Amino acid sequence: MSSETGWIISSRSTGNGGSCVEARRQDGRIEVRNSKAREAGTVVFTVEEWDSFLFGAKRGEFDQLLTD
């Protein structure tokens, strides 16, 4: 398996160019960026950190951030 992938756009992103999150695997790490502000840079995670984040998100650990 290749250690690099192209950018993947979130399926939750809107089709009209808003709320777009992109991610890719690069040099054994996961990079995440805002597709509307690519020049702002990326947030970089280890594969283990990314796996832990996704696991927590799927379990609802961050749901309280969505409520006022």
PDB file of N, CA and C in Angstrom:
ATOM      1  N   MET A   1       0.843  -1.178   0.000  1.00  0.00           N
ATOM      2  CA  MET A   1       0.000   0.000   0.000  1.00  0.00           C
ATOM      3  C   MET A   1       0.887   1.239   0.000  1.00  0.00           C
ATOM      4  N   SER A   2       0.538   2.208  -0.806  1.00  0.00           N
ATOM      5  CA  SER A   2       1.299   3.448  -0.893  1.00  0.00           C
ATOM      6  C   SER A   2       1.171   4.251   0.387  1.00  0.00           C
ATOM      7  N   SER A   3       2.238   4.946   0.766  1.00  0.00           N
ATOM      8  CA  SER A   3       2.187   5.774   1.970  1.00  0.00           C
ATOM      9  C   SER A   3       1.660   7.165   1.661  1.00  0.00           C
ATOM     10  N   GLU A   4       1.322   7.439   0.394  1.00  0.00           N
ATOM     11  CA  GLU A   4       0.798   8.744   0.022  1.00  0.00           C
ATOM     12  C   GLU A   4      -0.519   8.578  -0.712  1.00  0.00           C
ATOM     13  N   THR A   5      -1.426   9.506  -0.491  1.00  0.00           N
ATOM     14  CA  THR A   5      -2.705   9.517  -1.204  1.00  0.00           C
ATOM     15  C   THR A   5      -2.990  10.936  -1.654  1.00  0.00           C
ATOM     16  N   GLY A   6      -3.914  11.073  -2.571  1.00  0.00           N
ATOM     17  CA  GLY A   6      -4.364  12.400  -2.962  1.00  0.00           C
ATOM     18  C   GLY A   6      -5.312  12.955  -1.910  1.00  0.00           C
ATOM     19  N   TRP A   7      -5.648  14.216  -2.045  1.00  0.00           N
ATOM     20  CA  TRP A   7      -6.578  14.845  -1.107  1.00  0.00           C
ATOM     21  C   TRP A   7      -7.964  14.244  -1.275  1.00  0.00           C
ATOM     22  N   ILE A   8      -8.617  13.963  -0.160  1.00  0.00           N
ATOM     23  CA  ILE A   8      -9.979  13.446  -0.121  1.00  0.00           C
ATOM     24  C   ILE A   8     -10.851  14.539   0.482  1.00  0.00           C
ATOM     25  N   ILE A   9     -11.960  14.856  -0.178  1.00  0.00           N
ATOM     26  CA  ILE A   9     -12.878  15.872   0.346  1.00  0.00           C
ATOM     27  C   ILE A   9     -13.982  15.166   1.130  1.00  0.00           C
ATOM     28  N   SER A  10     -14.302  15.687   2.285  1.00  0.00           N
ATOM     29  CA  SER A  10     -15.321  15.090   3.139  1.00  0.00           C
ATOM     30  C   SER A  10     -16.648  14.967   2.405  1.00  0.00           C
ATOM     31  N   SER A  11     -17.311  13.838   2.588  1.00  0.00           N
ATOM     32  CA  SER A  11     -18.642  13.649   1.998  1.00  0.00           C
ATOM     33  C   SER A  11     -19.674  14.545   2.668  1.00  0.00           C
ATOM     34  N   ARG A  12     -19.349  15.107   3.821  1.00  0.00           N
ATOM     35  CA  ARG A  12     -20.249  16.021   4.525  1.00  0.00           C
ATOM     36  C   ARG A  12     -20.096  17.457   4.039  1.00  0.00           C
ATOM     37  N   SER A  13     -19.127  17.705   3.176  1.00  0.00           N
ATOM     38  CA  SER A  13     -18.943  19.043   2.633  1.00  0.00           C
ATOM     39  C   SER A  13     -20.089  19.362   1.686  1.00  0.00           C
ATOM     40  N   THR A  14     -20.470  20.624   1.663  1.00  0.00           N
ATOM     41  CA  THR A  14     -21.561  21.020   0.781  1.00  0.00           C
ATOM     42  C   THR A  14     -21.065  21.137  -0.642  1.00  0.00           C
ATOM     43  N   GLY A  15     -21.957  20.955  -1.580  1.00  0.00           N
ATOM     44  CA  GLY A  15     -21.622  21.004  -2.989  1.00  0.00           C
ATOM     45  C   GLY A  15     -21.391  22.403  -3.530  1.00  0.00           C
ATOM     46  N   ASN A  16     -21.740  23.424  -2.761  1.00  0.00           N
ATOM     47  CA  ASN A  16     -21.609  24.790  -3.257  1.00  0.00           C
ATOM     48  C   ASN A  16     -20.328  25.471  -2.790  1.00  0.00           C
ATOM     49  N   GLY A  17     -19.351  24.700  -2.380  1.00  0.00           N
ATOM     50  CA  GLY A  17     -18.053  25.267  -2.025  1.00  0.00           C
ATOM     51  C   GLY A  17     -17.885  25.657  -0.570  1.00  0.00           C
ATOM     52  N   GLY A  18     -18.853  25.379   0.280  1.00  0.00           N
ATOM     53  CA  GLY A  18     -18.724  25.736   1.682  1.00  0.00           C
ATOM     54  C   GLY A  18     -18.394  24.541   2.550  1.00  0.00           C
ATOM     55  N   SER A  19     -17.866  24.794   3.728  1.00  0.00           N
ATOM     56  CA  SER A  19     -17.611  23.766   4.736  1.00  0.00           C
ATOM     57  C   SER A  19     -16.828  22.572   4.210  1.00  0.00           C
ATOM     58  N   CYS A  20     -15.754  22.824   3.502  1.00  0.00           N
ATOM     59  CA  CYS A  20     -14.990  21.723   2.905  1.00  0.00           C
ATOM     60  C   CYS A  20     -13.752  21.392   3.720  1.00  0.00           C
ATOM     61  N   VAL A  21     -13.656  20.145   4.099  1.00  0.00           N
ATOM     62  CA  VAL A  21     -12.492  19.626   4.788  1.00  0.00           C
ATOM     63  C   VAL A  21     -11.842  18.607   3.870  1.00  0.00           C
ATOM     64  N   GLU A  22     -10.532  18.699   3.713  1.00  0.00           N
ATOM     65  CA  GLU A  22      -9.780  17.758   2.896  1.00  0.00           C
ATOM     66  C   GLU A  22      -8.749  17.070   3.772  1.00  0.00           C
ATOM     67  N   ALA A  23      -8.476  15.817   3.452  1.00  0.00           N
ATOM     68  CA  ALA A  23      -7.464  15.068   4.200  1.00  0.00           C
ATOM     69  C   ALA A  23      -6.686  14.200   3.226  1.00  0.00           C
ATOM     70  N   ARG A  24      -5.442  13.907   3.596  1.00  0.00           N
ATOM     71  CA  ARG A  24      -4.623  12.979   2.811  1.00  0.00           C
ATOM     72  C   ARG A  24      -3.580  12.348   3.717  1.00  0.00           C
ATOM     73  N   ARG A  25      -3.056  11.208   3.246  1.00  0.00           N
ATOM     74  CA  ARG A  25      -1.930  10.560   3.923  1.00  0.00           C
ATOM     75  C   ARG A  25      -0.666  10.963   3.176  1.00  0.00           C
ATOM     76  N   GLN A  26       0.294  11.495   3.904  1.00  0.00           N
ATOM     77  CA  GLN A  26       1.538  11.980   3.309  1.00  0.00           C
ATOM     78  C   GLN A  26       2.689  11.663   4.261  1.00  0.00           C
ATOM     79  N   ASP A  27       3.685  10.952   3.773  1.00  0.00           N
ATOM     80  CA  ASP A  27       4.874  10.641   4.576  1.00  0.00           C
ATOM     81  C   ASP A  27       4.534   9.994   5.920  1.00  0.00           C
ATOM     82  N   GLY A  28       3.550   9.090   5.912  1.00  0.00           N
ATOM     83  CA  GLY A  28       3.195   8.366   7.132  1.00  0.00           C
ATOM     84  C   GLY A  28       2.381   9.159   8.126  1.00  0.00           C
ATOM     85  N   ARG A  29       1.895  10.312   7.741  1.00  0.00           N
ATOM     86  CA  ARG A  29       1.065  11.156   8.613  1.00  0.00           C
ATOM     87  C   ARG A  29      -0.228  11.507   7.883  1.00  0.00           C
ATOM     88  N   ILE A  30      -1.212  12.000   8.624  1.00  0.00           N
ATOM     89  CA  ILE A  30      -2.466  12.452   8.045  1.00  0.00           C
ATOM     90  C   ILE A  30      -2.485  13.974   8.103  1.00  0.00           C
ATOM     91  N   GLU A  31      -2.707  14.601   6.950  1.00  0.00           N
ATOM     92  CA  GLU A  31      -2.794  16.059   6.868  1.00  0.00           C
ATOM     93  C   GLU A  31      -4.250  16.444   6.613  1.00  0.00           C
ATOM     94  N   VAL A  32      -4.707  17.491   7.288  1.00  0.00           N
ATOM     95  CA  VAL A  32      -6.079  17.974   7.158  1.00  0.00           C
ATOM     96  C   VAL A  32      -6.007  19.469   6.876  1.00  0.00           C
ATOM     97  N   ARG A  33      -6.868  19.935   5.948  1.00  0.00           N
ATOM     98  CA  ARG A  33      -6.885  21.365   5.640  1.00  0.00           C
ATOM     99  C   ARG A  33      -8.291  21.800   5.242  1.00  0.00           C
ATOM    100  N   ASN A  34      -8.473  23.097   5.240  1.00  0.00           N
ATOM    101  CA  ASN A  34      -9.704  23.733   4.790  1.00  0.00           C
ATOM    102  C   ASN A  34      -9.536  24.024   3.308  1.00  0.00           C
ATOM    103  N   SER A  35     -10.387  23.451   2.474  1.00  0.00           N
ATOM    104  CA  SER A  35     -10.220  23.623   1.030  1.00  0.00           C
ATOM    105  C   SER A  35     -10.468  25.056   0.580  1.00  0.00           C
ATOM    106  N   LYS A  36     -11.156  25.850   1.402  1.00  0.00           N
ATOM    107  CA  LYS A  36     -11.387  27.251   1.047  1.00  0.00           C
ATOM    108  C   LYS A  36     -10.246  28.156   1.506  1.00  0.00           C
ATOM    109  N   ALA A  37      -9.316  27.617   2.281  1.00  0.00           N
ATOM    110  CA  ALA A  37      -8.175  28.408   2.774  1.00  0.00           C
ATOM    111  C   ALA A  37      -6.926  27.533   2.770  1.00  0.00           C
ATOM    112  N   ARG A  38      -6.623  26.943   1.638  1.00  0.00           N
ATOM    113  CA  ARG A  38      -5.487  26.025   1.542  1.00  0.00           C
ATOM    114  C   ARG A  38      -4.169  26.693   1.919  1.00  0.00           C
ATOM    115  N   GLU A  39      -4.043  27.958   1.619  1.00  0.00           N
ATOM    116  CA  GLU A  39      -2.804  28.680   1.926  1.00  0.00           C
ATOM    117  C   GLU A  39      -2.579  28.837   3.435  1.00  0.00           C
ATOM    118  N   ALA A  40      -3.601  28.596   4.223  1.00  0.00           N
ATOM    119  CA  ALA A  40      -3.484  28.703   5.679  1.00  0.00           C
ATOM    120  C   ALA A  40      -2.704  27.538   6.269  1.00  0.00           C
ATOM    121  N   GLY A  41      -2.477  26.493   5.478  1.00  0.00           N
ATOM    122  CA  GLY A  41      -1.687  25.372   5.947  1.00  0.00           C
ATOM    123  C   GLY A  41      -2.533  24.180   6.339  1.00  0.00           C
ATOM    124  N   THR A  42      -1.885  23.227   6.981  1.00  0.00           N
ATOM    125  CA  THR A  42      -2.538  21.975   7.362  1.00  0.00           C
ATOM    126  C   THR A  42      -2.326  21.689   8.839  1.00  0.00           C
ATOM    127  N   VAL A  43      -3.189  20.857   9.348  1.00  0.00           N
ATOM    128  CA  VAL A  43      -3.019  20.280  10.678  1.00  0.00           C
ATOM    129  C   VAL A  43      -2.537  18.856  10.426  1.00  0.00           C
ATOM    130  N   VAL A  44      -1.490  18.446  11.134  1.00  0.00           N
ATOM    131  CA  VAL A  44      -0.872  17.150  10.871  1.00  0.00           C
ATOM    132  C   VAL A  44      -1.039  16.238  12.088  1.00  0.00           C
ATOM    133  N   PHE A  45      -1.458  15.005  11.811  1.00  0.00           N
ATOM    134  CA  PHE A  45      -1.657  13.993  12.842  1.00  0.00           C
ATOM    135  C   PHE A  45      -0.817  12.762  12.526  1.00  0.00           C
ATOM    136  N   THR A  46      -0.399  12.047  13.555  1.00  0.00           N
ATOM    137  CA  THR A  46       0.142  10.714  13.315  1.00  0.00           C
ATOM    138  C   THR A  46      -1.045   9.823  12.946  1.00  0.00           C
ATOM    139  N   VAL A  47      -0.766   8.667  12.382  1.00  0.00           N
ATOM    140  CA  VAL A  47      -1.840   7.742  12.044  1.00  0.00           C
ATOM    141  C   VAL A  47      -2.579   7.323  13.317  1.00  0.00           C
ATOM    142  N   GLU A  48      -1.856   7.125  14.401  1.00  0.00           N
ATOM    143  CA  GLU A  48      -2.473   6.731  15.666  1.00  0.00           C
ATOM    144  C   GLU A  48      -3.386   7.841  16.202  1.00  0.00           C
ATOM    145  N   GLU A  49      -2.939   9.086  16.127  1.00  0.00           N
ATOM    146  CA  GLU A  49      -3.775  10.205  16.577  1.00  0.00           C
ATOM    147  C   GLU A  49      -5.043  10.309  15.744  1.00  0.00           C
ATOM    148  N   TRP A  50      -4.897  10.177  14.438  1.00  0.00           N
ATOM    149  CA  TRP A  50      -6.050  10.258  13.538  1.00  0.00           C
ATOM    150  C   TRP A  50      -7.036   9.124  13.829  1.00  0.00           C
ATOM    151  N   ASP A  51      -6.520   7.925  14.033  1.00  0.00           N
ATOM    152  CA  ASP A  51      -7.359   6.778  14.358  1.00  0.00           C
ATOM    153  C   ASP A  51      -8.121   7.026  15.657  1.00  0.00           C
ATOM    154  N   SER A  52      -7.445   7.564  16.663  1.00  0.00           N
ATOM    155  CA  SER A  52      -8.100   7.860  17.942  1.00  0.00           C
ATOM    156  C   SER A  52      -9.174   8.931  17.780  1.00  0.00           C
ATOM    157  N   PHE A  53      -8.892   9.957  16.992  1.00  0.00           N
ATOM    158  CA  PHE A  53      -9.869  11.013  16.742  1.00  0.00           C
ATOM    159  C   PHE A  53     -11.115  10.435  16.066  1.00  0.00           C
ATOM    160  N   LEU A  54     -10.929   9.662  15.014  1.00  0.00           N
ATOM    161  CA  LEU A  54     -12.073   9.085  14.308  1.00  0.00           C
ATOM    162  C   LEU A  54     -12.881   8.158  15.207  1.00  0.00           C
ATOM    163  N   PHE A  55     -12.195   7.356  16.013  1.00  0.00           N
ATOM    164  CA  PHE A  55     -12.870   6.464  16.946  1.00  0.00           C
ATOM    165  C   PHE A  55     -13.743   7.269  17.905  1.00  0.00           C
ATOM    166  N   GLY A  56     -13.177   8.341  18.463  1.00  0.00           N
ATOM    167  CA  GLY A  56     -13.940   9.186  19.382  1.00  0.00           C
ATOM    168  C   GLY A  56     -15.108   9.881  18.702  1.00  0.00           C
ATOM    169  N   ALA A  57     -14.889  10.354  17.479  1.00  0.00           N
ATOM    170  CA  ALA A  57     -15.959  11.030  16.744  1.00  0.00           C
ATOM    171  C   ALA A  57     -17.110  10.064  16.464  1.00  0.00           C
ATOM    172  N   LYS A  58     -16.781   8.850  16.090  1.00  0.00           N
ATOM    173  CA  LYS A  58     -17.819   7.859  15.804  1.00  0.00           C
ATOM    174  C   LYS A  58     -18.599   7.490  17.062  1.00  0.00           C
ATOM    175  N   ARG A  59     -17.962   7.580  18.212  1.00  0.00           N
ATOM    176  CA  ARG A  59     -18.624   7.268  19.494  1.00  0.00           C
ATOM    177  C   ARG A  59     -19.379   8.451  20.070  1.00  0.00           C
ATOM    178  N   GLY A  60     -19.287   9.635  19.412  1.00  0.00           N
ATOM    179  CA  GLY A  60     -20.020  10.807  19.876  1.00  0.00           C
ATOM    180  C   GLY A  60     -19.304  11.624  20.938  1.00  0.00           C
ATOM    181  N   GLU A  61     -18.008  11.393  21.127  1.00  0.00           N
ATOM    182  CA  GLU A  61     -17.275  12.090  22.182  1.00  0.00           C
ATOM    183  C   GLU A  61     -17.212  13.607  21.989  1.00  0.00           C
ATOM    184  N   PHE A  62     -17.443  14.087  20.779  1.00  0.00           N
ATOM    185  CA  PHE A  62     -17.351  15.519  20.511  1.00  0.00           C
ATOM    186  C   PHE A  62     -18.710  16.165  20.272  1.00  0.00           C
ATOM    187  N   ASP A  63     -19.764  15.412  20.450  1.00  0.00           N
ATOM    188  CA  ASP A  63     -21.111  15.926  20.184  1.00  0.00           C
ATOM    189  C   ASP A  63     -21.470  17.146  21.011  1.00  0.00           C
ATOM    190  N   GLN A  64     -20.933  17.259  22.221  1.00  0.00           N
ATOM    191  CA  GLN A  64     -21.271  18.409  23.065  1.00  0.00           C
ATOM    192  C   GLN A  64     -20.778  19.721  22.454  1.00  0.00           C
ATOM    193  N   LEU A  65     -19.844  19.658  21.518  1.00  0.00           N
ATOM    194  CA  LEU A  65     -19.368  20.867  20.849  1.00  0.00           C
ATOM    195  C   LEU A  65     -20.406  21.429  19.893  1.00  0.00           C
ATOM    196  N   LEU A  66     -21.417  20.647  19.552  1.00  0.00           N
ATOM    197  CA  LEU A  66     -22.435  21.069  18.607  1.00  0.00           C
ATOM    198  C   LEU A  66     -23.607  21.769  19.257  1.00  0.00           C
ATOM    199  N   THR A  67     -23.673  21.755  20.582  1.00  0.00           N
ATOM    200  CA  THR A  67     -24.792  22.376  21.282  1.00  0.00           C
ATOM    201  C   THR A  67     -24.341  23.656  21.964  1.00  0.00           C
ATOM    202  N   ASP A  68     -25.295  24.559  22.123  1.00  0.00           N
ATOM    203  CA  ASP A  68     -24.998  25.845  22.784  1.00  0.00           C
ATOM    204  C   ASP A  68     -25.060  25.748  24.276  1.00  0.00           C
TER     205      ASP A  68
END
